[in-house]
């Protein structure tokens, strides 16, 4: 009997940490199922939105940051209307999405409609599986008030000018984004953001992240710093002149 059991040792459960590619393939499979079901039941809704309009934003692709097949979603508020035809106010990113972009990234004909006065989006929840938010994703979302990042967010990249022109957005809380190491240029330019909350895992911050902004306070976890003091530290540290290093924070009493 012992010999028989040994032949099947491979069936014993073992811990296996899936690779990023394996995780992405799982989400690609879910997205394809969603697309297939939507074709079968075109009159169904998702979050009160026509499933077909969701499908129009789904793209299976590769990118420079994720050079393997994964699910990208294009935010197009002209498409994402509720079943009554009203413009979208609240939206949660589907769980199988790993990359997020704006219609503006594609230089589409609907860029102006999507980005300015016709955009009623006020609240958006970013699912923890989103790893990339491309540059200008929320550019000129003038009515956007809340961007919620789920706990255990896998966000790795937040592109430049992501919140540029978001006049009604007063706070950006990235403390759930423990994988995010870099804060890029001009994230809050010409926006209403006054408070930025960061996880202490952040490694580099571009001084230009706050350029043209009205940010007043920066939090590292629960530690609060006035923006003038914070930027002075960015400029006077011993590293690259436009970059803040987490090591500097740990070694210096603020």
C-alpha atoms as a PDB file:
ATOM      1  CA  UNK A   1       0.000   0.000   0.000  1.00  0.00           C
ATOM      2  CA  UNK A   2       2.907   2.353   0.824  1.00  0.00           C
ATOM      3  CA  UNK A   3       4.266   2.059  -2.710  1.00  0.00           C
ATOM      4  CA  UNK A   4       0.859   2.923  -4.172  1.00  0.00           C
ATOM      5  CA  UNK A   5       0.604   6.072  -2.059  1.00  0.00           C
ATOM      6  CA  UNK A   6       4.093   7.169  -3.107  1.00  0.00           C
ATOM      7  CA  UNK A   7       3.050   7.006  -6.760  1.00  0.00           C
ATOM      8  CA  UNK A   8       0.489   9.715  -6.061  1.00  0.00           C
ATOM      9  CA  UNK A   9       2.525  12.060  -3.890  1.00  0.00           C
ATOM     10  CA  UNK A  10       2.195  14.726  -6.585  1.00  0.00           C
ATOM     11  CA  UNK A  11      -1.490  15.008  -5.672  1.00  0.00           C
ATOM     12  CA  UNK A  12      -0.652  16.264  -2.191  1.00  0.00           C
ATOM     13  CA  UNK A  13      -1.414  19.961  -1.829  1.00  0.00           C
ATOM     14  CA  UNK A  14       1.646  22.184  -2.036  1.00  0.00           C
ATOM     15  CA  UNK A  15       1.934  25.926  -1.671  1.00  0.00           C
ATOM     16  CA  UNK A  16       2.316  27.543  -5.076  1.00  0.00           C
ATOM     17  CA  UNK A  17       2.680  31.273  -5.471  1.00  0.00           C
ATOM     18  CA  UNK A  18       1.184  32.085  -8.871  1.00  0.00           C
ATOM     19  CA  UNK A  19       3.289  34.240 -11.175  1.00  0.00           C
ATOM     20  CA  UNK A  20       1.987  37.556 -12.472  1.00  0.00           C
ATOM     21  CA  UNK A  21       1.410  35.927 -15.849  1.00  0.00           C
ATOM     22  CA  UNK A  22      -0.633  33.131 -14.268  1.00  0.00           C
ATOM     23  CA  UNK A  23      -2.704  35.656 -12.317  1.00  0.00           C
ATOM     24  CA  UNK A  24      -3.317  37.651 -15.477  1.00  0.00           C
ATOM     25  CA  UNK A  25      -4.382  34.557 -17.403  1.00  0.00           C
ATOM     26  CA  UNK A  26      -6.962  33.865 -14.735  1.00  0.00           C
ATOM     27  CA  UNK A  27      -8.402  37.362 -15.168  1.00  0.00           C
ATOM     28  CA  UNK A  28      -8.289  37.050 -18.961  1.00  0.00           C
ATOM     29  CA  UNK A  29     -10.375  33.890 -18.627  1.00  0.00           C
ATOM     30  CA  UNK A  30     -12.892  35.716 -16.412  1.00  0.00           C
ATOM     31  CA  UNK A  31     -13.059  38.613 -18.875  1.00  0.00           C
ATOM     32  CA  UNK A  32     -13.675  36.236 -21.771  1.00  0.00           C
ATOM     33  CA  UNK A  33     -16.454  34.579 -19.792  1.00  0.00           C
ATOM     34  CA  UNK A  34     -17.973  38.006 -19.160  1.00  0.00           C
ATOM     35  CA  UNK A  35     -17.791  38.838 -22.868  1.00  0.00           C
ATOM     36  CA  UNK A  36     -19.349  35.491 -23.801  1.00  0.00           C
ATOM     37  CA  UNK A  37     -22.178  35.815 -21.273  1.00  0.00           C
ATOM     38  CA  UNK A  38     -22.841  39.362 -22.429  1.00  0.00           C
ATOM     39  CA  UNK A  39     -23.343  38.135 -25.974  1.00  0.00           C
ATOM     40  CA  UNK A  40     -25.804  35.528 -24.722  1.00  0.00           C
ATOM     41  CA  UNK A  41     -27.668  37.959 -22.465  1.00  0.00           C
ATOM     42  CA  UNK A  42     -27.249  41.424 -24.012  1.00  0.00           C
ATOM     43  CA  UNK A  43     -30.125  42.906 -22.027  1.00  0.00           C
ATOM     44  CA  UNK A  44     -28.522  42.193 -18.658  1.00  0.00           C
ATOM     45  CA  UNK A  45     -26.845  44.843 -16.533  1.00  0.00           C
ATOM     46  CA  UNK A  46     -23.704  45.099 -14.399  1.00  0.00           C
ATOM     47  CA  UNK A  47     -23.775  47.724 -11.624  1.00  0.00           C
ATOM     48  CA  UNK A  48     -26.927  49.006 -13.315  1.00  0.00           C
ATOM     49  CA  UNK A  49     -25.014  49.515 -16.577  1.00  0.00           C
ATOM     50  CA  UNK A  50     -25.617  47.625 -19.797  1.00  0.00           C
ATOM     51  CA  UNK A  51     -23.214  44.694 -20.009  1.00  0.00           C
ATOM     52  CA  UNK A  52     -22.583  45.553 -23.652  1.00  0.00           C
ATOM     53  CA  UNK A  53     -21.274  48.994 -22.700  1.00  0.00           C
ATOM     54  CA  UNK A  54     -18.909  47.332 -20.220  1.00  0.00           C
ATOM     55  CA  UNK A  55     -17.735  45.013 -22.967  1.00  0.00           C
ATOM     56  CA  UNK A  56     -16.820  47.973 -25.162  1.00  0.00           C
ATOM     57  CA  UNK A  57     -14.194  48.984 -22.590  1.00  0.00           C
ATOM     58  CA  UNK A  58     -12.574  45.556 -22.223  1.00  0.00           C
ATOM     59  CA  UNK A  59      -9.371  44.869 -24.131  1.00  0.00           C
ATOM     60  CA  UNK A  60      -7.089  41.826 -23.859  1.00  0.00           C
ATOM     61  CA  UNK A  61      -3.608  43.126 -24.614  1.00  0.00           C
ATOM     62  CA  UNK A  62       0.042  43.465 -23.638  1.00  0.00           C
ATOM     63  CA  UNK A  63       1.811  46.651 -22.546  1.00  0.00           C
ATOM     64  CA  UNK A  64       5.320  47.886 -21.805  1.00  0.00           C
ATOM     65  CA  UNK A  65       4.798  47.525 -18.062  1.00  0.00           C
ATOM     66  CA  UNK A  66       2.938  44.209 -18.321  1.00  0.00           C
ATOM     67  CA  UNK A  67       4.395  42.510 -21.428  1.00  0.00           C
ATOM     68  CA  UNK A  68       2.005  39.579 -21.283  1.00  0.00           C
ATOM     69  CA  UNK A  69      -1.709  39.194 -21.957  1.00  0.00           C
ATOM     70  CA  UNK A  70      -3.878  40.909 -19.362  1.00  0.00           C
ATOM     71  CA  UNK A  71      -7.164  42.811 -19.126  1.00  0.00           C
ATOM     72  CA  UNK A  72      -7.191  46.541 -19.811  1.00  0.00           C
ATOM     73  CA  UNK A  73     -10.291  48.640 -19.289  1.00  0.00           C
ATOM     74  CA  UNK A  74     -10.935  51.967 -21.022  1.00  0.00           C
ATOM     75  CA  UNK A  75     -13.055  54.437 -19.070  1.00  0.00           C
ATOM     76  CA  UNK A  76     -15.554  56.043 -21.416  1.00  0.00           C
ATOM     77  CA  UNK A  77     -18.385  57.759 -19.569  1.00  0.00           C
ATOM     78  CA  UNK A  78     -20.243  58.298 -22.815  1.00  0.00           C
ATOM     79  CA  UNK A  79     -20.580  54.511 -23.083  1.00  0.00           C
ATOM     80  CA  UNK A  80     -21.023  53.811 -19.392  1.00  0.00           C
ATOM     81  CA  UNK A  81     -24.546  55.114 -18.891  1.00  0.00           C
ATOM     82  CA  UNK A  82     -27.074  53.456 -16.644  1.00  0.00           C
ATOM     83  CA  UNK A  83     -30.060  51.577 -18.036  1.00  0.00           C
ATOM     84  CA  UNK A  84     -32.117  54.765 -18.039  1.00  0.00           C
ATOM     85  CA  UNK A  85     -29.558  56.457 -20.252  1.00  0.00           C
ATOM     86  CA  UNK A  86     -28.370  58.729 -17.441  1.00  0.00           C
ATOM     87  CA  UNK A  87     -24.720  59.648 -17.185  1.00  0.00           C
ATOM     88  CA  UNK A  88     -22.635  57.594 -14.810  1.00  0.00           C
ATOM     89  CA  UNK A  89     -22.186  58.889 -11.235  1.00  0.00           C
ATOM     90  CA  UNK A  90     -20.772  55.853  -9.375  1.00  0.00           C
ATOM     91  CA  UNK A  91     -18.633  53.072 -10.772  1.00  0.00           C
ATOM     92  CA  UNK A  92     -16.553  50.166  -9.436  1.00  0.00           C
ATOM     93  CA  UNK A  93     -13.843  48.713 -11.646  1.00  0.00           C
ATOM     94  CA  UNK A  94     -14.612  45.021 -12.419  1.00  0.00           C
ATOM     95  CA  UNK A  95     -12.445  42.606 -10.451  1.00  0.00           C
ATOM     96  CA  UNK A  96     -10.799  41.084 -13.538  1.00  0.00           C
ATOM     97  CA  UNK A  97      -9.305  44.405 -14.720  1.00  0.00           C
ATOM     98  CA  UNK A  98      -5.554  44.911 -14.207  1.00  0.00           C
ATOM     99  CA  UNK A  99      -4.913  48.043 -16.265  1.00  0.00           C
ATOM    100  CA  UNK A 100      -6.970  51.218 -16.439  1.00  0.00           C
ATOM    101  CA  UNK A 101      -6.884  54.006 -19.006  1.00  0.00           C
ATOM    102  CA  UNK A 102      -8.958  56.925 -20.214  1.00  0.00           C
ATOM    103  CA  UNK A 103     -10.480  57.233 -23.658  1.00  0.00           C
ATOM    104  CA  UNK A 104      -8.132  60.190 -23.992  1.00  0.00           C
ATOM    105  CA  UNK A 105      -5.152  57.833 -24.041  1.00  0.00           C
ATOM    106  CA  UNK A 106      -6.439  56.577 -27.356  1.00  0.00           C
ATOM    107  CA  UNK A 107      -6.904  60.120 -28.695  1.00  0.00           C
ATOM    108  CA  UNK A 108     -10.443  59.085 -29.563  1.00  0.00           C
ATOM    109  CA  UNK A 109     -13.096  61.367 -30.984  1.00  0.00           C
ATOM    110  CA  UNK A 110     -15.000  61.177 -27.683  1.00  0.00           C
ATOM    111  CA  UNK A 111     -12.101  62.593 -25.643  1.00  0.00           C
ATOM    112  CA  UNK A 112     -13.748  65.984 -25.184  1.00  0.00           C
ATOM    113  CA  UNK A 113     -17.094  64.481 -24.203  1.00  0.00           C
ATOM    114  CA  UNK A 114     -15.489  62.058 -21.777  1.00  0.00           C
ATOM    115  CA  UNK A 115     -13.183  64.503 -20.066  1.00  0.00           C
ATOM    116  CA  UNK A 116     -15.115  67.713 -19.513  1.00  0.00           C
ATOM    117  CA  UNK A 117     -18.615  68.972 -18.754  1.00  0.00           C
ATOM    118  CA  UNK A 118     -20.475  65.847 -19.859  1.00  0.00           C
ATOM    119  CA  UNK A 119     -18.651  63.705 -17.294  1.00  0.00           C
ATOM    120  CA  UNK A 120     -20.815  63.246 -14.164  1.00  0.00           C
ATOM    121  CA  UNK A 121     -18.656  60.582 -12.496  1.00  0.00           C
ATOM    122  CA  UNK A 122     -18.320  61.412  -8.800  1.00  0.00           C
ATOM    123  CA  UNK A 123     -17.254  58.200  -7.109  1.00  0.00           C
ATOM    124  CA  UNK A 124     -15.019  55.441  -8.392  1.00  0.00           C
ATOM    125  CA  UNK A 125     -13.742  52.360  -6.573  1.00  0.00           C
ATOM    126  CA  UNK A 126     -10.490  50.877  -7.853  1.00  0.00           C
ATOM    127  CA  UNK A 127     -10.476  47.103  -7.371  1.00  0.00           C
ATOM    128  CA  UNK A 128      -7.416  45.694  -5.629  1.00  0.00           C
ATOM    129  CA  UNK A 129      -6.432  43.743  -8.766  1.00  0.00           C
ATOM    130  CA  UNK A 130      -5.751  46.920 -10.778  1.00  0.00           C
ATOM    131  CA  UNK A 131      -1.965  47.132 -11.217  1.00  0.00           C
ATOM    132  CA  UNK A 132      -1.657  50.027 -13.673  1.00  0.00           C
ATOM    133  CA  UNK A 133      -3.412  53.388 -13.881  1.00  0.00           C
ATOM    134  CA  UNK A 134      -2.129  55.083 -17.003  1.00  0.00           C
ATOM    135  CA  UNK A 135      -1.253  58.741 -17.398  1.00  0.00           C
ATOM    136  CA  UNK A 136      -4.178  61.182 -17.598  1.00  0.00           C
ATOM    137  CA  UNK A 137      -6.692  58.479 -16.666  1.00  0.00           C
ATOM    138  CA  UNK A 138      -8.874  60.935 -14.704  1.00  0.00           C
ATOM    139  CA  UNK A 139      -7.741  64.054 -16.543  1.00  0.00           C
ATOM    140  CA  UNK A 140     -10.386  66.810 -16.267  1.00  0.00           C
ATOM    141  CA  UNK A 141     -12.883  64.625 -14.414  1.00  0.00           C
ATOM    142  CA  UNK A 142     -14.213  67.856 -12.975  1.00  0.00           C
ATOM    143  CA  UNK A 143     -16.976  66.313 -10.820  1.00  0.00           C
ATOM    144  CA  UNK A 144     -14.938  63.430  -9.415  1.00  0.00           C
ATOM    145  CA  UNK A 145     -15.081  63.580  -5.604  1.00  0.00           C
ATOM    146  CA  UNK A 146     -13.871  60.194  -4.373  1.00  0.00           C
ATOM    147  CA  UNK A 147     -11.289  57.688  -5.624  1.00  0.00           C
ATOM    148  CA  UNK A 148     -11.236  54.633  -3.379  1.00  0.00           C
ATOM    149  CA  UNK A 149      -8.410  52.112  -3.508  1.00  0.00           C
ATOM    150  CA  UNK A 150      -9.375  48.768  -2.005  1.00  0.00           C
ATOM    151  CA  UNK A 151      -7.383  47.216   0.804  1.00  0.00           C
ATOM    152  CA  UNK A 152      -4.411  45.114  -0.368  1.00  0.00           C
ATOM    153  CA  UNK A 153      -4.301  47.021  -3.653  1.00  0.00           C
ATOM    154  CA  UNK A 154      -1.781  45.634  -6.158  1.00  0.00           C
ATOM    155  CA  UNK A 155      -1.259  49.019  -7.786  1.00  0.00           C
ATOM    156  CA  UNK A 156       2.287  49.262  -9.147  1.00  0.00           C
ATOM    157  CA  UNK A 157       2.071  52.271 -11.440  1.00  0.00           C
ATOM    158  CA  UNK A 158       0.174  55.537 -11.193  1.00  0.00           C
ATOM    159  CA  UNK A 159       0.879  57.576 -14.301  1.00  0.00           C
ATOM    160  CA  UNK A 160       1.702  61.291 -14.568  1.00  0.00           C
ATOM    161  CA  UNK A 161      -1.213  63.743 -14.563  1.00  0.00           C
ATOM    162  CA  UNK A 162      -3.593  61.005 -13.443  1.00  0.00           C
ATOM    163  CA  UNK A 163      -5.715  63.499 -11.449  1.00  0.00           C
ATOM    164  CA  UNK A 164      -4.924  66.701 -13.329  1.00  0.00           C
ATOM    165  CA  UNK A 165      -7.879  69.085 -13.367  1.00  0.00           C
ATOM    166  CA  UNK A 166     -10.030  67.089 -10.908  1.00  0.00           C
ATOM    167  CA  UNK A 167     -11.456  70.208  -9.260  1.00  0.00           C
ATOM    168  CA  UNK A 168     -13.852  68.450  -6.859  1.00  0.00           C
ATOM    169  CA  UNK A 169     -11.317  65.868  -5.679  1.00  0.00           C
ATOM    170  CA  UNK A 170      -9.946  67.099  -2.336  1.00  0.00           C
ATOM    171  CA  UNK A 171      -8.151  64.026  -1.002  1.00  0.00           C
ATOM    172  CA  UNK A 172      -6.202  61.122  -2.511  1.00  0.00           C
ATOM    173  CA  UNK A 173      -5.543  58.228  -0.144  1.00  0.00           C
ATOM    174  CA  UNK A 174      -2.949  55.742  -1.411  1.00  0.00           C
ATOM    175  CA  UNK A 175      -2.200  54.041   1.902  1.00  0.00           C
ATOM    176  CA  UNK A 176      -3.780  50.780   0.717  1.00  0.00           C
ATOM    177  CA  UNK A 177      -1.359  50.734  -2.241  1.00  0.00           C
ATOM    178  CA  UNK A 178       1.564  48.999  -0.570  1.00  0.00           C
ATOM    179  CA  UNK A 179       3.107  47.933  -3.894  1.00  0.00           C
ATOM    180  CA  UNK A 180       3.288  51.501  -5.220  1.00  0.00           C
ATOM    181  CA  UNK A 181       6.881  52.753  -4.918  1.00  0.00           C
ATOM    182  CA  UNK A 182       6.911  55.901  -7.072  1.00  0.00           C
ATOM    183  CA  UNK A 183       4.859  59.079  -7.155  1.00  0.00           C
ATOM    184  CA  UNK A 184       5.026  60.515 -10.673  1.00  0.00           C
ATOM    185  CA  UNK A 185       5.029  64.063 -12.089  1.00  0.00           C
ATOM    186  CA  UNK A 186       2.087  66.473 -12.019  1.00  0.00           C
ATOM    187  CA  UNK A 187      -0.334  64.052 -10.406  1.00  0.00           C
ATOM    188  CA  UNK A 188      -2.389  66.808  -8.755  1.00  0.00           C
ATOM    189  CA  UNK A 189      -1.807  69.783 -11.058  1.00  0.00           C
ATOM    190  CA  UNK A 190      -4.776  72.157 -11.290  1.00  0.00           C
ATOM    191  CA  UNK A 191      -6.867  69.851  -9.106  1.00  0.00           C
ATOM    192  CA  UNK A 192      -8.719  70.392  -5.839  1.00  0.00           C
ATOM    193  CA  UNK A 193      -6.506  67.924  -3.959  1.00  0.00           C
ATOM    194  CA  UNK A 194      -5.371  69.371  -0.619  1.00  0.00           C
ATOM    195  CA  UNK A 195      -4.454  66.153   1.218  1.00  0.00           C
ATOM    196  CA  UNK A 196      -2.334  63.255  -0.071  1.00  0.00           C
ATOM    197  CA  UNK A 197      -1.952  60.118   2.034  1.00  0.00           C
ATOM    198  CA  UNK A 198       0.853  57.693   1.230  1.00  0.00           C
ATOM    199  CA  UNK A 199       2.034  54.307   2.423  1.00  0.00           C
ATOM    200  CA  UNK A 200       5.506  54.240   3.979  1.00  0.00           C
ATOM    201  CA  UNK A 201       6.542  51.708   1.311  1.00  0.00           C
ATOM    202  CA  UNK A 202       6.811  54.594  -1.152  1.00  0.00           C
ATOM    203  CA  UNK A 203      10.424  54.852  -2.309  1.00  0.00           C
ATOM    204  CA  UNK A 204      10.636  57.799  -4.677  1.00  0.00           C
ATOM    205  CA  UNK A 205       8.562  60.941  -5.028  1.00  0.00           C
ATOM    206  CA  UNK A 206       9.042  63.412  -7.826  1.00  0.00           C
ATOM    207  CA  UNK A 207       9.049  66.980  -6.563  1.00  0.00           C
ATOM    208  CA  UNK A 208       6.931  67.729  -9.610  1.00  0.00           C
ATOM    209  CA  UNK A 209       4.242  65.419  -8.231  1.00  0.00           C
ATOM    210  CA  UNK A 210       2.930  68.515  -6.444  1.00  0.00           C
ATOM    211  CA  UNK A 211       3.746  71.041  -9.145  1.00  0.00           C
ATOM    212  CA  UNK A 212       0.833  73.357  -9.920  1.00  0.00           C
ATOM    213  CA  UNK A 213      -1.233  71.857  -7.099  1.00  0.00           C
ATOM    214  CA  UNK A 214      -2.871  73.233  -3.954  1.00  0.00           C
ATOM    215  CA  UNK A 215      -1.803  70.267  -1.790  1.00  0.00           C
ATOM    216  CA  UNK A 216      -1.482  71.444   1.816  1.00  0.00           C
ATOM    217  CA  UNK A 217      -0.617  68.284   3.707  1.00  0.00           C
ATOM    218  CA  UNK A 218       1.134  64.994   2.976  1.00  0.00           C
ATOM    219  CA  UNK A 219       0.701  61.975   5.219  1.00  0.00           C
ATOM    220  CA  UNK A 220       3.157  59.086   5.421  1.00  0.00           C
ATOM    221  CA  UNK A 221       0.940  56.496   7.047  1.00  0.00           C
ATOM    222  CA  UNK A 222      -0.429  58.537   9.985  1.00  0.00           C
ATOM    223  CA  UNK A 223       2.383  61.110  10.126  1.00  0.00           C
ATOM    224  CA  UNK A 224       1.280  64.521   8.870  1.00  0.00           C
ATOM    225  CA  UNK A 225       3.586  67.043   7.159  1.00  0.00           C
ATOM    226  CA  UNK A 226       2.961  70.513   5.787  1.00  0.00           C
ATOM    227  CA  UNK A 227       3.607  70.608   2.054  1.00  0.00           C
ATOM    228  CA  UNK A 228       6.232  73.382   2.224  1.00  0.00           C
ATOM    229  CA  UNK A 229       8.278  71.408   4.727  1.00  0.00           C
ATOM    230  CA  UNK A 230       7.792  68.256   2.720  1.00  0.00           C
ATOM    231  CA  UNK A 231       8.960  69.807  -0.566  1.00  0.00           C
ATOM    232  CA  UNK A 232      11.942  71.422   1.172  1.00  0.00           C
ATOM    233  CA  UNK A 233      13.002  67.959   2.260  1.00  0.00           C
ATOM    234  CA  UNK A 234      12.641  66.760  -1.327  1.00  0.00           C
ATOM    235  CA  UNK A 235      14.899  69.523  -2.589  1.00  0.00           C
ATOM    236  CA  UNK A 236      17.593  69.313   0.092  1.00  0.00           C
ATOM    237  CA  UNK A 237      18.118  65.610   0.564  1.00  0.00           C
ATOM    238  CA  UNK A 238      21.369  63.879  -0.369  1.00  0.00           C
ATOM    239  CA  UNK A 239      19.923  61.991  -3.304  1.00  0.00           C
ATOM    240  CA  UNK A 240      18.761  63.144  -6.722  1.00  0.00           C
ATOM    241  CA  UNK A 241      17.478  66.746  -6.371  1.00  0.00           C
ATOM    242  CA  UNK A 242      13.939  66.013  -7.552  1.00  0.00           C
ATOM    243  CA  UNK A 243      13.469  62.776  -5.672  1.00  0.00           C
ATOM    244  CA  UNK A 244      12.605  61.914  -2.131  1.00  0.00           C
ATOM    245  CA  UNK A 245      13.995  58.666  -0.710  1.00  0.00           C
ATOM    246  CA  UNK A 246      12.243  56.570   1.897  1.00  0.00           C
ATOM    247  CA  UNK A 247      15.647  55.955   3.495  1.00  0.00           C
ATOM    248  CA  UNK A 248      15.954  59.685   4.074  1.00  0.00           C
ATOM    249  CA  UNK A 249      12.655  59.697   5.916  1.00  0.00           C
ATOM    250  CA  UNK A 250      13.752  56.830   8.163  1.00  0.00           C
ATOM    251  CA  UNK A 251      17.110  58.409   9.009  1.00  0.00           C
ATOM    252  CA  UNK A 252      15.843  61.933   9.610  1.00  0.00           C
ATOM    253  CA  UNK A 253      13.685  63.323  12.402  1.00  0.00           C
ATOM    254  CA  UNK A 254      10.821  65.299  10.824  1.00  0.00           C
END
